[in-house]
N, C-alpha and C. Protein backbone atom coordinates (compact mmCIF):
# COMPACT_ATOMS: atom_id res chain seq x y z
N MET A 1 -79.32 54.32 1.12
CA MET A 1 -78.52 53.86 0.01
C MET A 1 -78.70 52.35 -0.09
N SER A 2 -78.90 51.89 -1.31
CA SER A 2 -79.08 50.45 -1.49
C SER A 2 -77.79 49.70 -1.18
N LYS A 3 -77.94 48.43 -0.91
CA LYS A 3 -76.78 47.61 -0.56
C LYS A 3 -75.79 47.58 -1.73
N TYR A 4 -76.30 47.48 -2.95
CA TYR A 4 -75.44 47.44 -4.14
C TYR A 4 -74.61 48.72 -4.25
N LEU A 5 -75.24 49.87 -4.06
CA LEU A 5 -74.52 51.14 -4.13
C LEU A 5 -73.51 51.27 -3.00
N LYS A 6 -73.85 50.76 -1.84
CA LYS A 6 -72.93 50.79 -0.71
C LYS A 6 -71.69 49.94 -1.01
N VAL A 7 -71.90 48.76 -1.60
CA VAL A 7 -70.78 47.89 -1.97
C VAL A 7 -69.88 48.60 -2.97
N LEU A 8 -70.47 49.23 -3.98
CA LEU A 8 -69.68 49.96 -4.97
C LEU A 8 -68.90 51.10 -4.34
N ASP A 9 -69.54 51.79 -3.42
CA ASP A 9 -68.89 52.90 -2.73
C ASP A 9 -67.69 52.41 -1.91
N VAL A 10 -67.87 51.32 -1.21
CA VAL A 10 -66.78 50.76 -0.40
C VAL A 10 -65.65 50.27 -1.30
N LYS A 11 -65.99 49.62 -2.41
CA LYS A 11 -64.96 49.15 -3.35
C LYS A 11 -64.16 50.32 -3.92
N ARG A 12 -64.85 51.38 -4.27
CA ARG A 12 -64.18 52.57 -4.81
C ARG A 12 -63.24 53.18 -3.77
N GLU A 13 -63.70 53.27 -2.54
CA GLU A 13 -62.86 53.80 -1.46
C GLU A 13 -61.66 52.89 -1.21
N LEU A 14 -61.87 51.59 -1.27
CA LEU A 14 -60.78 50.63 -1.08
C LEU A 14 -59.73 50.77 -2.19
N GLN A 15 -60.17 50.97 -3.41
CA GLN A 15 -59.23 51.19 -4.52
C GLN A 15 -58.42 52.46 -4.31
N ARG A 16 -59.07 53.52 -3.86
CA ARG A 16 -58.38 54.78 -3.62
C ARG A 16 -57.33 54.61 -2.52
N VAL A 17 -57.71 53.93 -1.46
CA VAL A 17 -56.77 53.70 -0.35
C VAL A 17 -55.59 52.87 -0.82
N ASN A 18 -55.84 51.84 -1.62
CA ASN A 18 -54.75 51.01 -2.14
C ASN A 18 -53.81 51.81 -3.04
N ARG A 19 -54.35 52.69 -3.87
CA ARG A 19 -53.50 53.56 -4.71
C ARG A 19 -52.64 54.46 -3.84
N ASP A 20 -53.24 55.03 -2.81
CA ASP A 20 -52.49 55.91 -1.91
C ASP A 20 -51.38 55.14 -1.18
N ILE A 21 -51.68 53.92 -0.79
CA ILE A 21 -50.66 53.09 -0.12
C ILE A 21 -49.50 52.83 -1.07
N LEU A 22 -49.79 52.47 -2.30
CA LEU A 22 -48.72 52.22 -3.27
C LEU A 22 -47.86 53.46 -3.50
N ARG A 23 -48.51 54.61 -3.60
CA ARG A 23 -47.79 55.87 -3.82
C ARG A 23 -46.87 56.17 -2.63
N LEU A 24 -47.38 55.99 -1.42
CA LEU A 24 -46.57 56.25 -0.23
C LEU A 24 -45.45 55.22 -0.05
N GLU A 25 -45.71 53.97 -0.41
CA GLU A 25 -44.65 52.96 -0.33
C GLU A 25 -43.51 53.30 -1.29
N GLU A 26 -43.86 53.80 -2.47
CA GLU A 26 -42.84 54.23 -3.43
C GLU A 26 -42.05 55.41 -2.88
N GLU A 27 -42.75 56.38 -2.31
CA GLU A 27 -42.08 57.54 -1.72
C GLU A 27 -41.16 57.10 -0.58
N LEU A 28 -41.63 56.18 0.26
CA LEU A 28 -40.82 55.69 1.37
C LEU A 28 -39.55 55.01 0.87
N SER A 29 -39.68 54.23 -0.16
CA SER A 29 -38.52 53.56 -0.75
C SER A 29 -37.50 54.57 -1.25
N GLU A 30 -37.98 55.61 -1.94
CA GLU A 30 -37.08 56.65 -2.44
C GLU A 30 -36.41 57.41 -1.30
N LEU A 31 -37.16 57.71 -0.26
CA LEU A 31 -36.60 58.41 0.89
C LEU A 31 -35.54 57.57 1.59
N GLU A 32 -35.81 56.29 1.76
CA GLU A 32 -34.84 55.42 2.41
C GLU A 32 -33.57 55.30 1.57
N GLU A 33 -33.72 55.26 0.25
CA GLU A 33 -32.55 55.23 -0.63
C GLU A 33 -31.76 56.53 -0.52
N ALA A 34 -32.45 57.66 -0.49
CA ALA A 34 -31.78 58.95 -0.35
C ALA A 34 -31.05 59.04 0.99
N LEU A 35 -31.69 58.57 2.05
CA LEU A 35 -31.06 58.59 3.37
C LEU A 35 -29.80 57.73 3.38
N GLN A 36 -29.87 56.59 2.74
CA GLN A 36 -28.71 55.71 2.66
C GLN A 36 -27.56 56.40 1.91
N LEU A 37 -27.87 57.10 0.83
CA LEU A 37 -26.84 57.83 0.08
C LEU A 37 -26.22 58.93 0.93
N VAL A 38 -27.06 59.66 1.64
CA VAL A 38 -26.57 60.76 2.47
C VAL A 38 -25.67 60.23 3.58
N LYS A 39 -26.12 59.17 4.24
CA LYS A 39 -25.36 58.63 5.38
C LYS A 39 -24.09 57.89 4.95
N SER A 40 -24.06 57.41 3.71
CA SER A 40 -22.88 56.67 3.25
C SER A 40 -21.72 57.60 2.90
N GLY A 41 -22.01 58.88 2.79
CA GLY A 41 -20.96 59.84 2.46
C GLY A 41 -20.76 60.03 0.97
N ARG A 42 -21.57 59.35 0.16
CA ARG A 42 -21.44 59.50 -1.29
C ARG A 42 -22.04 60.80 -1.79
N ALA A 43 -22.92 61.39 -1.01
CA ALA A 43 -23.52 62.66 -1.41
C ALA A 43 -22.58 63.80 -1.03
N ARG A 44 -22.30 64.66 -1.98
CA ARG A 44 -21.41 65.80 -1.73
C ARG A 44 -22.20 67.04 -1.31
N SER A 45 -23.43 67.11 -1.78
CA SER A 45 -24.27 68.24 -1.40
C SER A 45 -25.72 67.78 -1.41
N ALA A 46 -26.56 68.53 -0.75
CA ALA A 46 -27.98 68.20 -0.67
C ALA A 46 -28.78 69.48 -0.79
N TYR A 47 -29.97 69.35 -1.31
CA TYR A 47 -30.82 70.51 -1.51
C TYR A 47 -32.20 70.23 -0.95
N ARG A 48 -32.78 71.26 -0.39
CA ARG A 48 -34.16 71.18 0.07
C ARG A 48 -35.00 71.95 -0.93
N ILE A 49 -36.02 71.31 -1.46
CA ILE A 49 -36.84 71.91 -2.51
C ILE A 49 -38.11 72.48 -1.89
N PHE A 50 -38.42 73.69 -2.28
CA PHE A 50 -39.65 74.37 -1.86
C PHE A 50 -40.44 74.68 -3.12
N GLY A 51 -41.63 74.13 -3.21
CA GLY A 51 -42.43 74.35 -4.41
C GLY A 51 -41.71 73.77 -5.62
N SER A 52 -41.82 74.43 -6.75
CA SER A 52 -41.14 73.91 -7.94
C SER A 52 -40.04 74.84 -8.42
N PHE A 53 -39.78 75.92 -7.70
CA PHE A 53 -38.80 76.90 -8.18
C PHE A 53 -37.65 77.18 -7.22
N ILE A 54 -37.79 76.85 -5.97
CA ILE A 54 -36.79 77.26 -4.98
C ILE A 54 -36.08 76.03 -4.42
N ALA A 55 -34.77 76.04 -4.50
CA ALA A 55 -33.95 74.98 -3.93
C ALA A 55 -32.85 75.63 -3.10
N LEU A 56 -32.71 75.20 -1.87
CA LEU A 56 -31.67 75.73 -0.99
C LEU A 56 -30.70 74.61 -0.64
N GLU A 57 -29.42 74.92 -0.72
CA GLU A 57 -28.42 73.93 -0.33
C GLU A 57 -28.42 73.84 1.20
N VAL A 58 -28.40 72.61 1.69
CA VAL A 58 -28.38 72.37 3.13
C VAL A 58 -27.22 71.44 3.45
N SER A 59 -26.83 71.42 4.70
CA SER A 59 -25.74 70.53 5.12
C SER A 59 -26.22 69.08 5.04
N ILE A 60 -25.28 68.18 4.97
CA ILE A 60 -25.61 66.76 4.90
C ILE A 60 -26.36 66.32 6.16
N ALA A 61 -25.95 66.84 7.32
CA ALA A 61 -26.63 66.50 8.57
C ALA A 61 -28.08 66.99 8.55
N GLU A 62 -28.28 68.21 8.06
CA GLU A 62 -29.63 68.75 7.98
C GLU A 62 -30.47 67.96 6.98
N ALA A 63 -29.86 67.59 5.87
CA ALA A 63 -30.58 66.79 4.87
C ALA A 63 -30.99 65.45 5.46
N SER A 64 -30.10 64.85 6.22
CA SER A 64 -30.40 63.58 6.86
C SER A 64 -31.58 63.72 7.81
N GLN A 65 -31.60 64.79 8.59
CA GLN A 65 -32.70 65.03 9.53
C GLN A 65 -34.02 65.28 8.79
N ILE A 66 -33.97 66.05 7.71
CA ILE A 66 -35.18 66.32 6.92
C ILE A 66 -35.74 65.02 6.36
N ILE A 67 -34.86 64.18 5.83
CA ILE A 67 -35.30 62.91 5.26
C ILE A 67 -35.88 62.00 6.34
N GLU A 68 -35.22 61.92 7.49
CA GLU A 68 -35.72 61.08 8.58
C GLU A 68 -37.09 61.56 9.07
N ASP A 69 -37.27 62.88 9.14
CA ASP A 69 -38.57 63.43 9.54
C ASP A 69 -39.65 63.05 8.54
N ARG A 70 -39.33 63.15 7.26
CA ARG A 70 -40.31 62.82 6.22
C ARG A 70 -40.62 61.32 6.24
N ILE A 71 -39.62 60.50 6.49
CA ILE A 71 -39.84 59.05 6.59
C ILE A 71 -40.83 58.75 7.72
N ALA A 72 -40.67 59.42 8.84
CA ALA A 72 -41.59 59.22 9.97
C ALA A 72 -43.02 59.60 9.59
N VAL A 73 -43.17 60.71 8.88
CA VAL A 73 -44.50 61.16 8.45
C VAL A 73 -45.12 60.15 7.49
N VAL A 74 -44.33 59.68 6.53
CA VAL A 74 -44.83 58.72 5.54
C VAL A 74 -45.21 57.40 6.21
N ARG A 75 -44.39 56.94 7.15
CA ARG A 75 -44.71 55.69 7.86
C ARG A 75 -46.01 55.82 8.66
N ALA A 76 -46.21 56.96 9.29
CA ALA A 76 -47.45 57.18 10.04
C ALA A 76 -48.66 57.19 9.10
N ALA A 77 -48.51 57.85 7.96
CA ALA A 77 -49.60 57.89 6.98
C ALA A 77 -49.89 56.50 6.44
N LEU A 78 -48.84 55.72 6.20
CA LEU A 78 -49.03 54.34 5.74
C LEU A 78 -49.78 53.51 6.77
N ALA A 79 -49.42 53.65 8.02
CA ALA A 79 -50.10 52.90 9.08
C ALA A 79 -51.58 53.25 9.13
N THR A 80 -51.89 54.52 8.99
CA THR A 80 -53.28 54.97 8.99
C THR A 80 -54.04 54.40 7.80
N LEU A 81 -53.42 54.46 6.62
CA LEU A 81 -54.07 53.94 5.42
C LEU A 81 -54.25 52.43 5.48
N ARG A 82 -53.28 51.72 6.02
CA ARG A 82 -53.41 50.27 6.13
C ARG A 82 -54.53 49.89 7.09
N LYS A 83 -54.67 50.66 8.15
CA LYS A 83 -55.76 50.42 9.09
C LYS A 83 -57.10 50.67 8.40
N ARG A 84 -57.17 51.76 7.63
CA ARG A 84 -58.40 52.07 6.89
C ARG A 84 -58.71 50.98 5.86
N ARG A 85 -57.66 50.47 5.20
CA ARG A 85 -57.85 49.40 4.22
C ARG A 85 -58.44 48.17 4.89
N ASP A 86 -57.93 47.82 6.07
CA ASP A 86 -58.45 46.66 6.79
C ASP A 86 -59.91 46.87 7.18
N GLU A 87 -60.24 48.09 7.63
CA GLU A 87 -61.63 48.40 7.99
C GLU A 87 -62.55 48.26 6.78
N LEU A 88 -62.11 48.79 5.64
CA LEU A 88 -62.92 48.71 4.43
C LEU A 88 -63.08 47.27 3.96
N ALA A 89 -62.02 46.47 4.07
CA ALA A 89 -62.10 45.07 3.67
C ALA A 89 -63.12 44.32 4.54
N LYS A 90 -63.11 44.60 5.83
CA LYS A 90 -64.08 43.97 6.73
C LYS A 90 -65.50 44.41 6.39
N GLU A 91 -65.65 45.71 6.12
CA GLU A 91 -66.97 46.23 5.76
C GLU A 91 -67.46 45.60 4.46
N LEU A 92 -66.58 45.47 3.50
CA LEU A 92 -66.94 44.87 2.22
C LEU A 92 -67.32 43.40 2.41
N ALA A 93 -66.58 42.70 3.25
CA ALA A 93 -66.89 41.30 3.51
C ALA A 93 -68.26 41.16 4.18
N SER A 94 -68.57 42.06 5.09
CA SER A 94 -69.87 41.98 5.77
C SER A 94 -71.01 42.34 4.82
N LEU A 95 -70.76 43.24 3.88
CA LEU A 95 -71.79 43.61 2.91
C LEU A 95 -72.01 42.52 1.86
N SER A 96 -70.98 41.74 1.61
CA SER A 96 -71.06 40.71 0.57
C SER A 96 -71.79 39.46 1.03
N ARG A 97 -72.10 39.38 2.29
CA ARG A 97 -72.81 38.20 2.81
C ARG A 97 -74.27 38.24 2.47
């Protein structure tokens, strides 16, 4: 693969990673807001959604645990993507020389 095509490929991958990071940061923000609502006692009921048609009512404690578990997953995914972004940035810098 020519150097020019490699640079374009790395740039494209970097853009994809950045989009994924933004999407996960937004999800994390929403989850943290939901967790704050649940823990503050302002939420009277909570639902766990399965697919697009099934919603089951769950206890506030269970909802809190579900949200905390999802936050952990999202944070781990963000860490992985940020590491990948740094690797791609270094690769792009080395190709641009």
